Amino acid sequence: MKQTRHEAAIEHLKIAIFSERNSQCREAINNLDYHFIKANDVQVLKDNYFKLMDITLRNKILGVLMLNEIGLKQFFWRHIKKNDTWI
């Protein structure tokens, strides 16, 4: 069940015109599960992360990416360098 929701969420984030005000986009982000992240999902999540202003949604994506071990070290270092206040 979780995997099905996760896969539907990723598909929605890949094809939808992303808007954090859109309840379907918000729901898709909340349905993400780090257990099911695939290497080809990472870029979609990165792209959506940088479009977001809502800190709660950004943190959800960061949490999903941090708990996954698909070589995201460069992503986090770049983010830390961009935002001196993020720790």
C-alpha atoms as a PDB file:
ATOM      1  CA  MET A   1       0.000   0.000   0.000  1.00  0.00           C
ATOM      2  CA  LYS A   2       2.756   2.491   0.920  1.00  0.00           C
ATOM      3  CA  GLN A   3       4.712   1.591  -2.191  1.00  0.00           C
ATOM      4  CA  THR A   4       1.664   2.160  -4.398  1.00  0.00           C
ATOM      5  CA  ARG A   5       1.052   5.592  -2.844  1.00  0.00           C
ATOM      6  CA  HIS A   6       4.736   6.448  -3.194  1.00  0.00           C
ATOM      7  CA  GLU A   7       4.842   5.439  -6.865  1.00  0.00           C
ATOM      8  CA  ALA A   8       1.682   7.432  -7.605  1.00  0.00           C
ATOM      9  CA  ALA A   9       3.207  10.442  -5.815  1.00  0.00           C
ATOM     10  CA  ILE A  10       6.426  10.277  -7.850  1.00  0.00           C
ATOM     11  CA  GLU A  11       4.471   9.961 -11.096  1.00  0.00           C
ATOM     12  CA  HIS A  12       2.369  12.986 -10.159  1.00  0.00           C
ATOM     13  CA  LEU A  13       5.488  15.032  -9.358  1.00  0.00           C
ATOM     14  CA  LYS A  14       7.053  14.022 -12.683  1.00  0.00           C
ATOM     15  CA  ILE A  15       4.124  15.049 -14.901  1.00  0.00           C
ATOM     16  CA  ALA A  16       2.217  17.730 -12.990  1.00  0.00           C
ATOM     17  CA  ILE A  17       2.792  21.438 -13.316  1.00  0.00           C
ATOM     18  CA  PHE A  18       4.236  21.901  -9.875  1.00  0.00           C
ATOM     19  CA  SER A  19       2.668  24.385  -7.480  1.00  0.00           C
ATOM     20  CA  GLU A  20       2.990  24.176  -3.732  1.00  0.00           C
ATOM     21  CA  ARG A  21      -0.499  25.679  -3.455  1.00  0.00           C
ATOM     22  CA  ASN A  22      -1.909  22.693  -5.339  1.00  0.00           C
ATOM     23  CA  SER A  23      -3.274  20.216  -2.796  1.00  0.00           C
ATOM     24  CA  GLN A  24      -2.392  17.258  -5.043  1.00  0.00           C
ATOM     25  CA  CYS A  25       1.265  18.328  -5.155  1.00  0.00           C
ATOM     26  CA  ARG A  26       1.319  18.770  -1.375  1.00  0.00           C
ATOM     27  CA  GLU A  27      -0.284  15.358  -0.912  1.00  0.00           C
ATOM     28  CA  ALA A  28       2.193  13.778  -3.336  1.00  0.00           C
ATOM     29  CA  ILE A  29       5.130  15.126  -1.327  1.00  0.00           C
ATOM     30  CA  ASN A  30       3.590  13.863   1.903  1.00  0.00           C
ATOM     31  CA  ASN A  31       3.134  10.395   0.357  1.00  0.00           C
ATOM     32  CA  LEU A  32       6.842   9.997  -0.443  1.00  0.00           C
ATOM     33  CA  ASP A  33       8.619   7.161   1.330  1.00  0.00           C
ATOM     34  CA  TYR A  34      12.411   6.897   1.341  1.00  0.00           C
ATOM     35  CA  HIS A  35      12.252   3.091   1.243  1.00  0.00           C
ATOM     36  CA  PHE A  36      11.009   3.229  -2.346  1.00  0.00           C
ATOM     37  CA  ILE A  37      13.153   6.021  -3.848  1.00  0.00           C
ATOM     38  CA  LYS A  38      14.895   4.957  -7.052  1.00  0.00           C
ATOM     39  CA  ALA A  39      17.891   6.624  -8.653  1.00  0.00           C
ATOM     40  CA  ASN A  40      15.735   8.142 -11.420  1.00  0.00           C
ATOM     41  CA  ASP A  41      13.374   9.705  -8.817  1.00  0.00           C
ATOM     42  CA  VAL A  42      16.136  11.753  -7.214  1.00  0.00           C
ATOM     43  CA  GLN A  43      16.326  14.432  -9.917  1.00  0.00           C
ATOM     44  CA  VAL A  44      12.556  14.990  -9.783  1.00  0.00           C
ATOM     45  CA  LEU A  45      12.769  15.507  -6.034  1.00  0.00           C
ATOM     46  CA  LYS A  46      15.759  17.848  -6.349  1.00  0.00           C
ATOM     47  CA  ASP A  47      13.991  19.951  -8.977  1.00  0.00           C
ATOM     48  CA  ASN A  48      10.829  20.223  -6.893  1.00  0.00           C
ATOM     49  CA  TYR A  49      12.836  20.991  -3.771  1.00  0.00           C
ATOM     50  CA  PHE A  50      14.308  24.118  -5.330  1.00  0.00           C
ATOM     51  CA  LYS A  51      10.873  25.275  -6.540  1.00  0.00           C
ATOM     52  CA  LEU A  52       9.413  25.137  -3.033  1.00  0.00           C
ATOM     53  CA  MET A  53       9.165  28.009  -0.607  1.00  0.00           C
ATOM     54  CA  ASP A  54       7.190  26.100   2.049  1.00  0.00           C
ATOM     55  CA  ILE A  55       9.728  24.957   4.640  1.00  0.00           C
ATOM     56  CA  THR A  56       7.594  21.999   5.735  1.00  0.00           C
ATOM     57  CA  LEU A  57       7.489  20.557   2.220  1.00  0.00           C
ATOM     58  CA  ARG A  58      11.197  21.270   1.688  1.00  0.00           C
ATOM     59  CA  ASN A  59      12.012  19.442   4.919  1.00  0.00           C
ATOM     60  CA  LYS A  60       9.900  16.465   3.833  1.00  0.00           C
ATOM     61  CA  ILE A  61      11.877  16.173   0.592  1.00  0.00           C
ATOM     62  CA  LEU A  62      15.187  16.641   2.421  1.00  0.00           C
ATOM     63  CA  GLY A  63      14.220  13.927   4.883  1.00  0.00           C
ATOM     64  CA  VAL A  64      13.354  11.514   2.098  1.00  0.00           C
ATOM     65  CA  LEU A  65      16.623  12.240   0.298  1.00  0.00           C
ATOM     66  CA  MET A  66      18.794  12.122   3.422  1.00  0.00           C
ATOM     67  CA  LEU A  67      17.488   8.737   4.468  1.00  0.00           C
ATOM     68  CA  ASN A  68      18.183   7.332   1.033  1.00  0.00           C
ATOM     69  CA  GLU A  69      21.716   6.377   0.073  1.00  0.00           C
ATOM     70  CA  ILE A  70      21.799   7.204  -3.636  1.00  0.00           C
ATOM     71  CA  GLY A  71      24.941   9.356  -3.642  1.00  0.00           C
ATOM     72  CA  LEU A  72      23.416  12.651  -2.571  1.00  0.00           C
ATOM     73  CA  LYS A  73      26.478  14.059  -0.836  1.00  0.00           C
ATOM     74  CA  GLN A  74      27.049  16.722  -3.512  1.00  0.00           C
ATOM     75  CA  PHE A  75      23.424  17.849  -3.336  1.00  0.00           C
ATOM     76  CA  PHE A  76      23.629  18.455   0.396  1.00  0.00           C
ATOM     77  CA  TRP A  77      27.007  20.177   0.243  1.00  0.00           C
ATOM     78  CA  ARG A  78      25.745  22.510  -2.477  1.00  0.00           C
ATOM     79  CA  HIS A  79      22.664  23.303  -0.390  1.00  0.00           C
ATOM     80  CA  ILE A  80      24.714  23.958   2.736  1.00  0.00           C
ATOM     81  CA  LYS A  81      27.035  26.291   0.818  1.00  0.00           C
ATOM     82  CA  LYS A  82      24.039  28.193  -0.665  1.00  0.00           C
ATOM     83  CA  ASN A  83      22.241  28.650   2.640  1.00  0.00           C
ATOM     84  CA  ASP A  84      24.635  29.574   5.406  1.00  0.00           C
ATOM     85  CA  THR A  85      21.772  29.484   7.897  1.00  0.00           C
ATOM     86  CA  TRP A  86      20.776  25.861   7.154  1.00  0.00           C
ATOM     87  CA  ILE A  87      22.180  23.337   9.588  1.00  0.00           C
END
